[in-house]
Amino acid sequence: MLTSKQRAELRARANQLPVLLTVGKGGVSGSLIAEADTVLTAKELVKGQVLESALLTAREACDAICEATGADGVQTVGSKFVIYRFSQKCEDERKAMAVRPKRVNPVRAGAQARRRKAKEEREARNAYFKQAAIQAAIDKKKDR
């Protein structure tokens, strides 16, 4: 079961998806369920459409497909519907993309290193003069 925040995120992602499932006058058949199962395994999030010739509404078709495939219905608007089912294959692909090392721009890295070194030197110099001012104040107080 999806939370409302998860559902909202999935709805946002589904806006740009093409329609991959089409329910025609044959209704929700075995071949349509097999196709939906294959597409859900590959993509996780699938948009479908119910044609006018079908005897089902988008909500009925969505519920039937979700029940048969174990997916969750995300949204139905007009004749279109969106379904979601977690896919381990997609999760592995996302993890592989996240592990990829970042490219390092050597020019930028050198400039950042020089700025960092200059900042450290500036802070060390400021700390020295601050300590010297404190010591001078202490010495002045002792001389009185």
N, C-alpha and C. Protein backbone atom coordinates (compact mmCIF):
# COMPACT_ATOMS: atom_id res chain seq x y z
N MET A 1 0.84 -1.18 0.00
CA MET A 1 0.00 0.00 0.00
C MET A 1 0.89 1.24 0.00
N LEU A 2 0.56 2.19 -0.83
CA LEU A 2 1.35 3.40 -0.97
C LEU A 2 0.83 4.50 -0.06
N THR A 3 1.74 5.30 0.46
CA THR A 3 1.33 6.47 1.23
C THR A 3 0.96 7.59 0.26
N SER A 4 0.34 8.63 0.77
CA SER A 4 -0.07 9.72 -0.11
C SER A 4 1.14 10.46 -0.70
N LYS A 5 2.22 10.55 0.05
CA LYS A 5 3.43 11.20 -0.47
C LYS A 5 4.06 10.37 -1.59
N GLN A 6 4.11 9.06 -1.39
CA GLN A 6 4.65 8.20 -2.43
C GLN A 6 3.78 8.27 -3.68
N ARG A 7 2.48 8.26 -3.47
CA ARG A 7 1.53 8.34 -4.59
C ARG A 7 1.72 9.65 -5.35
N ALA A 8 1.90 10.75 -4.63
CA ALA A 8 2.10 12.06 -5.27
C ALA A 8 3.39 12.07 -6.09
N GLU A 9 4.45 11.48 -5.56
CA GLU A 9 5.71 11.43 -6.30
C GLU A 9 5.56 10.57 -7.56
N LEU A 10 4.87 9.45 -7.44
CA LEU A 10 4.67 8.58 -8.59
C LEU A 10 3.79 9.25 -9.65
N ARG A 11 2.79 10.00 -9.20
CA ARG A 11 1.95 10.74 -10.16
C ARG A 11 2.79 11.75 -10.94
N ALA A 12 3.69 12.42 -10.24
CA ALA A 12 4.55 13.40 -10.89
C ALA A 12 5.47 12.72 -11.91
N ARG A 13 6.02 11.57 -11.55
CA ARG A 13 6.89 10.84 -12.47
C ARG A 13 6.12 10.30 -13.66
N ALA A 14 4.85 9.96 -13.45
CA ALA A 14 4.04 9.35 -14.51
C ALA A 14 3.60 10.35 -15.56
N ASN A 15 3.65 11.63 -15.28
CA ASN A 15 3.20 12.63 -16.25
C ASN A 15 3.94 12.52 -17.57
N GLN A 16 5.21 12.24 -17.53
CA GLN A 16 6.00 12.22 -18.75
C GLN A 16 6.08 10.83 -19.40
N LEU A 17 5.45 9.83 -18.81
CA LEU A 17 5.52 8.48 -19.35
C LEU A 17 4.61 8.31 -20.57
N PRO A 18 5.04 7.49 -21.52
CA PRO A 18 4.15 7.15 -22.64
C PRO A 18 3.19 6.04 -22.20
N VAL A 19 2.10 5.88 -22.94
CA VAL A 19 1.15 4.80 -22.66
C VAL A 19 1.74 3.50 -23.16
N LEU A 20 1.90 2.52 -22.25
CA LEU A 20 2.49 1.24 -22.62
C LEU A 20 1.46 0.12 -22.65
N LEU A 21 0.38 0.25 -21.92
CA LEU A 21 -0.67 -0.77 -21.90
C LEU A 21 -1.93 -0.20 -22.52
N THR A 22 -2.57 -1.01 -23.35
CA THR A 22 -3.82 -0.58 -23.95
C THR A 22 -4.86 -1.67 -23.74
N VAL A 23 -5.97 -1.31 -23.09
CA VAL A 23 -7.06 -2.25 -22.86
C VAL A 23 -8.09 -1.99 -23.95
N GLY A 24 -8.32 -3.00 -24.78
CA GLY A 24 -9.26 -2.86 -25.89
C GLY A 24 -10.57 -3.54 -25.59
N LYS A 25 -11.27 -3.92 -26.66
CA LYS A 25 -12.59 -4.51 -26.49
C LYS A 25 -12.51 -5.91 -25.89
N GLY A 26 -11.34 -6.52 -25.91
CA GLY A 26 -11.16 -7.84 -25.29
C GLY A 26 -11.12 -7.77 -23.78
N GLY A 27 -11.00 -6.58 -23.23
CA GLY A 27 -10.95 -6.41 -21.78
C GLY A 27 -9.58 -6.79 -21.22
N VAL A 28 -9.58 -7.17 -19.96
CA VAL A 28 -8.34 -7.55 -19.29
C VAL A 28 -8.15 -9.05 -19.51
N SER A 29 -7.35 -9.39 -20.51
CA SER A 29 -7.13 -10.79 -20.86
C SER A 29 -5.82 -11.28 -20.25
N GLY A 30 -5.57 -12.55 -20.41
CA GLY A 30 -4.34 -13.15 -19.90
C GLY A 30 -3.10 -12.57 -20.54
N SER A 31 -3.18 -12.32 -21.84
CA SER A 31 -2.01 -11.75 -22.53
C SER A 31 -1.73 -10.33 -22.06
N LEU A 32 -2.79 -9.56 -21.77
CA LEU A 32 -2.60 -8.20 -21.26
C LEU A 32 -1.96 -8.24 -19.87
N ILE A 33 -2.38 -9.17 -19.05
CA ILE A 33 -1.81 -9.30 -17.70
C ILE A 33 -0.35 -9.73 -17.79
N ALA A 34 -0.03 -10.65 -18.70
CA ALA A 34 1.36 -11.08 -18.88
C ALA A 34 2.22 -9.91 -19.35
N GLU A 35 1.69 -9.12 -20.28
CA GLU A 35 2.41 -7.95 -20.76
C GLU A 35 2.62 -6.93 -19.63
N ALA A 36 1.56 -6.71 -18.85
CA ALA A 36 1.66 -5.78 -17.72
C ALA A 36 2.70 -6.25 -16.72
N ASP A 37 2.74 -7.55 -16.46
CA ASP A 37 3.71 -8.11 -15.52
C ASP A 37 5.13 -7.89 -16.03
N THR A 38 5.34 -8.12 -17.32
CA THR A 38 6.67 -7.93 -17.92
C THR A 38 7.10 -6.46 -17.85
N VAL A 39 6.18 -5.58 -18.21
CA VAL A 39 6.51 -4.15 -18.21
C VAL A 39 6.74 -3.65 -16.79
N LEU A 40 5.95 -4.11 -15.83
CA LEU A 40 6.14 -3.69 -14.43
C LEU A 40 7.49 -4.16 -13.89
N THR A 41 7.92 -5.34 -14.30
CA THR A 41 9.23 -5.84 -13.86
C THR A 41 10.35 -4.98 -14.43
N ALA A 42 10.17 -4.54 -15.67
CA ALA A 42 11.21 -3.76 -16.33
C ALA A 42 11.19 -2.29 -15.93
N LYS A 43 10.01 -1.72 -15.68
CA LYS A 43 9.90 -0.27 -15.51
C LYS A 43 9.38 0.20 -14.16
N GLU A 44 8.70 -0.62 -13.39
CA GLU A 44 8.08 -0.28 -12.10
C GLU A 44 6.82 0.58 -12.25
N LEU A 45 6.84 1.59 -13.06
CA LEU A 45 5.73 2.53 -13.18
C LEU A 45 5.23 2.49 -14.63
N VAL A 46 3.94 2.20 -14.79
CA VAL A 46 3.39 1.98 -16.13
C VAL A 46 2.11 2.78 -16.29
N LYS A 47 1.98 3.41 -17.45
CA LYS A 47 0.76 4.13 -17.78
C LYS A 47 -0.02 3.31 -18.79
N GLY A 48 -1.32 3.22 -18.59
CA GLY A 48 -2.17 2.46 -19.49
C GLY A 48 -3.35 3.29 -19.94
N GLN A 49 -4.04 2.78 -20.96
CA GLN A 49 -5.19 3.49 -21.50
C GLN A 49 -6.28 2.48 -21.82
N VAL A 50 -7.52 2.87 -21.58
CA VAL A 50 -8.67 2.04 -21.91
C VAL A 50 -9.34 2.67 -23.13
N LEU A 51 -9.48 1.90 -24.19
CA LEU A 51 -10.12 2.41 -25.40
C LEU A 51 -11.62 2.52 -25.21
N GLU A 52 -12.27 3.32 -26.03
CA GLU A 52 -13.71 3.52 -25.93
C GLU A 52 -14.49 2.24 -26.23
N SER A 53 -13.91 1.36 -27.06
CA SER A 53 -14.59 0.13 -27.42
C SER A 53 -14.61 -0.89 -26.29
N ALA A 54 -13.79 -0.70 -25.27
CA ALA A 54 -13.76 -1.62 -24.13
C ALA A 54 -15.01 -1.41 -23.28
N LEU A 55 -15.45 -2.47 -22.66
CA LEU A 55 -16.65 -2.39 -21.83
C LEU A 55 -16.32 -2.08 -20.37
N LEU A 56 -15.08 -1.68 -20.11
CA LEU A 56 -14.62 -1.38 -18.75
C LEU A 56 -14.30 0.10 -18.62
N THR A 57 -14.39 0.60 -17.41
CA THR A 57 -13.89 1.95 -17.14
C THR A 57 -12.40 1.82 -16.82
N ALA A 58 -11.72 2.95 -16.77
CA ALA A 58 -10.29 2.94 -16.45
C ALA A 58 -10.06 2.42 -15.03
N ARG A 59 -10.92 2.77 -14.11
CA ARG A 59 -10.79 2.31 -12.72
C ARG A 59 -10.95 0.79 -12.64
N GLU A 60 -11.95 0.24 -13.33
CA GLU A 60 -12.17 -1.21 -13.31
C GLU A 60 -10.99 -1.96 -13.93
N ALA A 61 -10.49 -1.46 -15.06
CA ALA A 61 -9.35 -2.10 -15.71
C ALA A 61 -8.11 -2.02 -14.82
N CYS A 62 -7.90 -0.87 -14.21
CA CYS A 62 -6.75 -0.68 -13.32
C CYS A 62 -6.82 -1.64 -12.14
N ASP A 63 -8.00 -1.74 -11.53
CA ASP A 63 -8.17 -2.64 -10.38
C ASP A 63 -7.96 -4.09 -10.78
N ALA A 64 -8.45 -4.49 -11.94
CA ALA A 64 -8.29 -5.87 -12.39
C ALA A 64 -6.82 -6.20 -12.65
N ILE A 65 -6.10 -5.29 -13.30
CA ILE A 65 -4.68 -5.52 -13.58
C ILE A 65 -3.88 -5.53 -12.28
N CYS A 66 -4.20 -4.61 -11.38
CA CYS A 66 -3.48 -4.56 -10.10
C CYS A 66 -3.69 -5.83 -9.30
N GLU A 67 -4.89 -6.33 -9.28
CA GLU A 67 -5.19 -7.55 -8.53
C GLU A 67 -4.45 -8.75 -9.12
N ALA A 68 -4.37 -8.81 -10.46
CA ALA A 68 -3.72 -9.94 -11.11
C ALA A 68 -2.20 -9.89 -11.01
N THR A 69 -1.62 -8.69 -10.99
CA THR A 69 -0.16 -8.58 -11.00
C THR A 69 0.44 -8.25 -9.64
N GLY A 70 -0.40 -7.89 -8.67
CA GLY A 70 0.12 -7.52 -7.36
C GLY A 70 0.65 -6.10 -7.32
N ALA A 71 0.18 -5.28 -8.23
CA ALA A 71 0.63 -3.88 -8.29
C ALA A 71 -0.32 -2.99 -7.49
N ASP A 72 0.04 -1.73 -7.39
CA ASP A 72 -0.80 -0.73 -6.73
C ASP A 72 -1.26 0.27 -7.78
N GLY A 73 -2.52 0.63 -7.72
CA GLY A 73 -3.04 1.67 -8.59
C GLY A 73 -2.62 3.03 -8.07
N VAL A 74 -2.04 3.84 -8.90
CA VAL A 74 -1.57 5.15 -8.50
C VAL A 74 -2.60 6.21 -8.82
N GLN A 75 -3.15 6.17 -10.05
CA GLN A 75 -4.01 7.24 -10.49
C GLN A 75 -4.86 6.77 -11.67
N THR A 76 -6.09 7.25 -11.73
CA THR A 76 -6.90 7.09 -12.93
C THR A 76 -7.50 8.44 -13.27
N VAL A 77 -7.31 8.86 -14.52
CA VAL A 77 -7.84 10.13 -14.99
C VAL A 77 -8.43 9.88 -16.37
N GLY A 78 -9.71 10.09 -16.51
CA GLY A 78 -10.36 9.87 -17.79
C GLY A 78 -10.25 8.43 -18.21
N SER A 79 -9.62 8.19 -19.35
CA SER A 79 -9.46 6.83 -19.84
C SER A 79 -8.05 6.28 -19.57
N LYS A 80 -7.25 7.02 -18.84
CA LYS A 80 -5.87 6.59 -18.56
C LYS A 80 -5.72 6.20 -17.09
N PHE A 81 -4.78 5.29 -16.84
CA PHE A 81 -4.49 4.86 -15.48
C PHE A 81 -2.99 4.64 -15.34
N VAL A 82 -2.53 4.68 -14.10
CA VAL A 82 -1.11 4.48 -13.80
C VAL A 82 -1.02 3.43 -12.70
N ILE A 83 -0.14 2.44 -12.88
CA ILE A 83 0.06 1.41 -11.87
C ILE A 83 1.54 1.33 -11.52
N TYR A 84 1.82 0.84 -10.30
CA TYR A 84 3.19 0.77 -9.80
C TYR A 84 3.38 -0.55 -9.07
N ARG A 85 4.53 -1.16 -9.28
CA ARG A 85 4.93 -2.33 -8.50
C ARG A 85 6.44 -2.27 -8.34
N PHE A 86 6.93 -2.45 -7.12
CA PHE A 86 8.36 -2.43 -6.85
C PHE A 86 9.06 -3.51 -7.67
N SER A 87 10.20 -3.15 -8.25
CA SER A 87 10.99 -4.09 -9.04
C SER A 87 12.42 -4.10 -8.52
N GLN A 88 12.90 -5.27 -8.14
CA GLN A 88 14.26 -5.39 -7.63
C GLN A 88 15.27 -5.05 -8.73
N LYS A 89 14.94 -5.38 -9.97
CA LYS A 89 15.83 -5.08 -11.10
C LYS A 89 16.06 -3.57 -11.22
N CYS A 90 15.00 -2.79 -11.11
CA CYS A 90 15.13 -1.33 -11.19
C CYS A 90 15.90 -0.79 -9.99
N GLU A 91 15.67 -1.37 -8.82
CA GLU A 91 16.40 -0.94 -7.62
C GLU A 91 17.90 -1.20 -7.78
N ASP A 92 18.27 -2.36 -8.34
CA ASP A 92 19.68 -2.67 -8.58
C ASP A 92 20.29 -1.69 -9.58
N GLU A 93 19.54 -1.30 -10.61
CA GLU A 93 20.04 -0.33 -11.58
C GLU A 93 20.26 1.03 -10.94
N ARG A 94 19.33 1.44 -10.07
CA ARG A 94 19.49 2.73 -9.38
C ARG A 94 20.72 2.72 -8.48
N LYS A 95 20.95 1.60 -7.79
CA LYS A 95 22.12 1.49 -6.92
C LYS A 95 23.40 1.51 -7.73
N ALA A 96 23.40 0.86 -8.89
CA ALA A 96 24.58 0.85 -9.75
C ALA A 96 24.89 2.25 -10.26
N MET A 97 23.86 3.01 -10.56
CA MET A 97 24.07 4.39 -11.02
C MET A 97 24.60 5.27 -9.89
N ALA A 98 24.18 5.00 -8.66
CA ALA A 98 24.61 5.80 -7.52
C ALA A 98 26.06 5.51 -7.15
N VAL A 99 26.54 4.30 -7.42
CA VAL A 99 27.89 3.90 -7.03
C VAL A 99 28.93 4.42 -8.01
N ARG A 100 28.49 4.78 -9.21
CA ARG A 100 29.44 5.23 -10.22
C ARG A 100 30.26 6.41 -9.68
N PRO A 101 31.60 6.36 -9.83
CA PRO A 101 32.42 7.44 -9.29
C PRO A 101 32.18 8.76 -10.04
N LYS A 102 32.31 9.83 -9.30
CA LYS A 102 32.14 11.15 -9.89
C LYS A 102 33.37 11.50 -10.70
N ARG A 103 33.15 12.24 -11.78
CA ARG A 103 34.27 12.73 -12.57
C ARG A 103 34.83 13.97 -11.90
N VAL A 104 36.13 14.06 -11.87
CA VAL A 104 36.78 15.19 -11.21
C VAL A 104 37.43 16.06 -12.27
N ASN A 105 37.13 17.35 -12.22
CA ASN A 105 37.74 18.31 -13.10
C ASN A 105 39.05 18.75 -12.46
N PRO A 106 40.21 18.42 -13.04
CA PRO A 106 41.48 18.73 -12.38
C PRO A 106 41.73 20.23 -12.23
N VAL A 107 41.26 21.03 -13.17
CA VAL A 107 41.47 22.47 -13.07
C VAL A 107 40.68 23.02 -11.88
N ARG A 108 39.43 22.60 -11.79
CA ARG A 108 38.59 23.07 -10.68
C ARG A 108 39.12 22.56 -9.34
N ALA A 109 39.57 21.30 -9.32
CA ALA A 109 40.10 20.73 -8.08
C ALA A 109 41.34 21.51 -7.62
N GLY A 110 42.20 21.91 -8.58
CA GLY A 110 43.39 22.69 -8.24
C GLY A 110 43.03 24.05 -7.70
N ALA A 111 42.05 24.70 -8.33
CA ALA A 111 41.62 26.02 -7.86
C ALA A 111 41.02 25.93 -6.47
N GLN A 112 40.21 24.90 -6.24
CA GLN A 112 39.62 24.72 -4.92
C GLN A 112 40.68 24.45 -3.87
N ALA A 113 41.69 23.66 -4.22
CA ALA A 113 42.78 23.37 -3.28
C ALA A 113 43.55 24.65 -2.94
N ARG A 114 43.82 25.51 -3.96
CA ARG A 114 44.53 26.76 -3.69
C ARG A 114 43.70 27.68 -2.80
N ARG A 115 42.39 27.76 -3.06
CA ARG A 115 41.53 28.59 -2.21
C ARG A 115 41.50 28.07 -0.77
N ARG A 116 41.42 26.75 -0.64
CA ARG A 116 41.39 26.15 0.70
C ARG A 116 42.69 26.45 1.45
N LYS A 117 43.83 26.33 0.75
CA LYS A 117 45.13 26.59 1.38
C LYS A 117 45.25 28.07 1.77
N ALA A 118 44.80 28.98 0.89
CA ALA A 118 44.85 30.41 1.20
C ALA A 118 43.96 30.73 2.40
N LYS A 119 42.81 30.10 2.48
CA LYS A 119 41.90 30.33 3.61
C LYS A 119 42.54 29.85 4.91
N GLU A 120 43.17 28.67 4.88
CA GLU A 120 43.83 28.16 6.08
C GLU A 120 44.97 29.08 6.52
N GLU A 121 45.76 29.60 5.56
CA GLU A 121 46.84 30.52 5.89
C GLU A 121 46.28 31.81 6.49
N ARG A 122 45.20 32.33 5.90
CA ARG A 122 44.56 33.55 6.41
C ARG A 122 44.06 33.34 7.84
N GLU A 123 43.41 32.19 8.08
CA GLU A 123 42.91 31.91 9.42
C GLU A 123 44.05 31.75 10.43
N ALA A 124 45.16 31.12 10.01
CA ALA A 124 46.31 30.96 10.90
C ALA A 124 46.92 32.33 11.22
N ARG A 125 47.04 33.20 10.20
CA ARG A 125 47.58 34.53 10.41
C ARG A 125 46.69 35.34 11.34
N ASN A 126 45.38 35.27 11.12
CA ASN A 126 44.45 36.00 11.98
C ASN A 126 44.51 35.49 13.42
N ALA A 127 44.64 34.17 13.58
CA ALA A 127 44.74 33.60 14.93
C ALA A 127 46.03 34.08 15.61
N TYR A 128 47.14 34.16 14.84
CA TYR A 128 48.41 34.63 15.40
C TYR A 128 48.28 36.07 15.89
N PHE A 129 47.72 36.95 15.02
CA PHE A 129 47.60 38.35 15.41
C PHE A 129 46.61 38.54 16.55
N LYS A 130 45.59 37.74 16.60
CA LYS A 130 44.64 37.81 17.69
C LYS A 130 45.33 37.43 19.01
N GLN A 131 46.13 36.37 18.95
CA GLN A 131 46.85 35.93 20.14
C GLN A 131 47.89 36.98 20.54
N ALA A 132 48.54 37.59 19.54
CA ALA A 132 49.52 38.63 19.84
C ALA A 132 48.84 39.83 20.48
N ALA A 133 47.66 40.22 20.03
CA ALA A 133 46.93 41.35 20.61
C ALA A 133 46.53 41.03 22.05
N ILE A 134 46.12 39.81 22.28
CA ILE A 134 45.75 39.41 23.65
C ILE A 134 46.97 39.46 24.55
N GLN A 135 48.10 38.96 24.06
CA GLN A 135 49.33 38.97 24.86
C GLN A 135 49.79 40.40 25.13
N ALA A 136 49.66 41.29 24.13
CA ALA A 136 50.05 42.68 24.32
C ALA A 136 49.19 43.34 25.38
N ALA A 137 47.89 43.05 25.37
CA ALA A 137 46.99 43.60 26.38
C ALA A 137 47.36 43.10 27.77
N ILE A 138 47.70 41.83 27.86
CA ILE A 138 48.10 41.26 29.16
C ILE A 138 49.38 41.92 29.64
N ASP A 139 50.38 42.08 28.73
CA ASP A 139 51.66 42.72 29.11
C ASP A 139 51.44 44.17 29.54
N LYS A 140 50.57 44.89 28.85
CA LYS A 140 50.29 46.29 29.17
C LYS A 140 49.67 46.40 30.56
N LYS A 141 48.78 45.43 30.87
CA LYS A 141 48.14 45.45 32.18
C LYS A 141 49.16 45.17 33.29
N LYS A 142 50.14 44.27 32.99
CA LYS A 142 51.16 43.95 33.98
C LYS A 142 52.07 45.14 34.25
N ASP A 143 52.38 45.95 33.19
CA ASP A 143 53.27 47.09 33.34
C ASP A 143 52.64 48.19 34.19
N ARG A 144 51.39 48.29 34.31
CA ARG A 144 50.75 49.33 35.11
C ARG A 144 50.95 49.15 36.54
